[in-house]
C-alpha atoms as a PDB file:
ATOM      1  CA  MET A   1      -2.649  12.686 -12.423  1.00  0.00           C
ATOM      2  CA  VAL A   2      -1.363   9.128 -12.498  1.00  0.00           C
ATOM      3  CA  SER A   3      -0.660   7.539 -15.842  1.00  0.00           C
ATOM      4  CA  SER A   4      -2.854   4.564 -16.559  1.00  0.00           C
ATOM      5  CA  SER A   5       0.182   2.339 -17.137  1.00  0.00           C
ATOM      6  CA  ALA A   6       1.508   3.077 -13.623  1.00  0.00           C
ATOM      7  CA  ALA A   7      -1.900   2.349 -12.114  1.00  0.00           C
ATOM      8  CA  HIS A   8      -2.121  -0.962 -13.963  1.00  0.00           C
ATOM      9  CA  GLN A   9       1.348  -1.976 -12.764  1.00  0.00           C
ATOM     10  CA  SER A  10       0.507  -1.439  -9.088  1.00  0.00           C
ATOM     11  CA  PRO A  11      -0.840  -4.943  -8.321  1.00  0.00           C
ATOM     12  CA  TYR A  12       2.151  -6.581  -9.994  1.00  0.00           C
ATOM     13  CA  THR A  13       4.659  -4.316  -8.237  1.00  0.00           C
ATOM     14  CA  VAL A  14       3.178  -5.030  -4.808  1.00  0.00           C
ATOM     15  CA  ASP A  15       2.755  -8.753  -5.455  1.00  0.00           C
ATOM     16  CA  ASP A  16       6.389  -9.042  -6.607  1.00  0.00           C
ATOM     17  CA  ASN A  17       7.738  -7.167  -3.575  1.00  0.00           C
ATOM     18  CA  GLY A  18       5.582  -7.846  -0.562  1.00  0.00           C
ATOM     19  CA  GLY A  19       2.544  -9.700  -1.691  1.00  0.00           C
ATOM     20  CA  ILE A  20      -1.153  -9.031  -1.651  1.00  0.00           C
ATOM     21  CA  ASP A  21      -2.770 -10.977   1.162  1.00  0.00           C
ATOM     22  CA  GLU A  22      -6.210 -12.559   1.054  1.00  0.00           C
ATOM     23  CA  GLU A  23      -7.812  -9.799   3.163  1.00  0.00           C
ATOM     24  CA  TRP A  24      -6.560  -7.164   0.712  1.00  0.00           C
ATOM     25  CA  LEU A  25      -7.931  -9.177  -2.214  1.00  0.00           C
ATOM     26  CA  GLN A  26     -11.333  -9.391  -0.518  1.00  0.00           C
ATOM     27  CA  ARG A  27     -11.357  -5.605  -0.011  1.00  0.00           C
ATOM     28  CA  LEU A  28     -10.500  -5.123  -3.701  1.00  0.00           C
ATOM     29  CA  LYS A  29     -13.423  -7.379  -4.664  1.00  0.00           C
ATOM     30  CA  ASN A  30     -15.892  -5.503  -2.436  1.00  0.00           C
ATOM     31  CA  ARG A  31     -17.501  -2.579  -4.258  1.00  0.00           C
ATOM     32  CA  GLY A  32     -17.795  -0.519  -1.059  1.00  0.00           C
ATOM     33  CA  LEU A  33     -14.151  -1.041  -0.054  1.00  0.00           C
ATOM     34  CA  PHE A  34     -12.558  -1.058  -3.506  1.00  0.00           C
ATOM     35  CA  GLN A  35     -11.575   2.612  -3.798  1.00  0.00           C
ATOM     36  CA  GLY A  36      -9.702   2.697  -0.477  1.00  0.00           C
ATOM     37  CA  ALA A  37      -8.018  -0.672  -1.084  1.00  0.00           C
ATOM     38  CA  ARG A  38      -6.948   0.392  -4.580  1.00  0.00           C
ATOM     39  CA  HIS A  39      -5.550   3.662  -3.245  1.00  0.00           C
ATOM     40  CA  GLU A  40      -3.518   1.783  -0.609  1.00  0.00           C
ATOM     41  CA  LEU A  41      -2.281  -0.568  -3.328  1.00  0.00           C
ATOM     42  CA  PHE A  42      -1.128   2.414  -5.391  1.00  0.00           C
ATOM     43  CA  ALA A  43       0.643   3.961  -2.356  1.00  0.00           C
ATOM     44  CA  ASP A  44       2.419   0.642  -1.670  1.00  0.00           C
ATOM     45  CA  ALA A  45       3.522   0.258  -5.277  1.00  0.00           C
ATOM     46  CA  THR A  46       4.758   3.851  -5.437  1.00  0.00           C
ATOM     47  CA  CYS A  47       6.953   3.294  -2.381  1.00  0.00           C
ATOM     48  CA  TYR A  48       8.373   0.058  -3.812  1.00  0.00           C
ATOM     49  CA  ARG A  49       9.169   1.762  -7.131  1.00  0.00           C
ATOM     50  CA  ALA A  50      10.870   4.621  -5.248  1.00  0.00           C
ATOM     51  CA  GLY A  51      13.271   2.221  -3.520  1.00  0.00           C
ATOM     52  CA  PHE A  52      11.506   1.639  -0.204  1.00  0.00           C
ATOM     53  CA  THR A  53      10.671  -1.551   1.646  1.00  0.00           C
ATOM     54  CA  VAL A  54       7.204  -1.639   3.185  1.00  0.00           C
ATOM     55  CA  GLU A  55       6.021  -2.988   6.528  1.00  0.00           C
ATOM     56  CA  HIS A  56       2.262  -2.973   7.099  1.00  0.00           C
ATOM     57  CA  GLU A  57       0.766  -2.126  10.462  1.00  0.00           C
ATOM     58  CA  ASP A  58      -1.711  -4.485  12.130  1.00  0.00           C
ATOM     59  CA  GLU A  59      -5.065  -3.172  10.898  1.00  0.00           C
ATOM     60  CA  LYS A  60      -6.885  -5.329  13.452  1.00  0.00           C
ATOM     61  CA  ASP A  61      -5.143  -3.552  16.349  1.00  0.00           C
ATOM     62  CA  GLY A  62      -7.758  -1.064  17.511  1.00  0.00           C
ATOM     63  CA  THR A  63      -5.924  -0.131  20.716  1.00  0.00           C
ATOM     64  CA  SER A  64      -3.940   2.687  19.114  1.00  0.00           C
ATOM     65  CA  LYS A  65      -3.917   4.870  16.036  1.00  0.00           C
ATOM     66  CA  HIS A  66      -1.317   4.053  13.428  1.00  0.00           C
ATOM     67  CA  ALA A  67      -0.531   4.616   9.778  1.00  0.00           C
ATOM     68  CA  GLU A  68      -1.291   2.102   7.023  1.00  0.00           C
ATOM     69  CA  PHE A  69       2.363   1.160   6.705  1.00  0.00           C
ATOM     70  CA  THR A  70       5.945   2.217   7.353  1.00  0.00           C
ATOM     71  CA  ALA A  71       8.306   2.569   4.416  1.00  0.00           C
ATOM     72  CA  ARG A  72      12.113   2.429   4.781  1.00  0.00           C
ATOM     73  CA  HIS A  73      14.361   3.633   1.966  1.00  0.00           C
ATOM     74  CA  VAL A  74      16.806   0.872   1.071  1.00  0.00           C
ATOM     75  CA  LEU A  75      19.818   3.161   0.489  1.00  0.00           C
ATOM     76  CA  THR A  76      19.329   5.943   3.047  1.00  0.00           C
ATOM     77  CA  GLY A  77      17.339   4.166   5.767  1.00  0.00           C
ATOM     78  CA  GLN A  78      14.863   7.067   5.847  1.00  0.00           C
ATOM     79  CA  LEU A  79      11.571   6.047   7.480  1.00  0.00           C
ATOM     80  CA  LEU A  80       8.154   7.278   6.391  1.00  0.00           C
ATOM     81  CA  SER A  81       4.801   6.567   7.991  1.00  0.00           C
ATOM     82  CA  ILE A  82       2.230   6.319   5.205  1.00  0.00           C
ATOM     83  CA  GLU A  83      -1.470   6.939   5.731  1.00  0.00           C
ATOM     84  CA  ALA A  84      -3.383   6.396   2.485  1.00  0.00           C
ATOM     85  CA  LYS A  85      -6.740   8.187   2.329  1.00  0.00           C
ATOM     86  CA  SER A  86      -9.151   8.372  -0.565  1.00  0.00           C
ATOM     87  CA  ARG A  87     -12.667   9.715  -1.051  1.00  0.00           C
END
């Protein structure tokens, strides 16, 4: 279970580190897309707080399957491919 304070900090953490683009904001404002967009926001923020940088994949690229984003740990260089799913 995620503490409510961590969940509330997610938008600020992401905005301070990588930014929330207009498309993401529109998904957060859409009732049908909100849950998935919020879950991705939480995954982003968690990676930032854990010491990773985040590089988002091109969601408009339908030619191949890919994760939501790639996270690289600042100190170790470890790479993670993050796929955020929510129901």
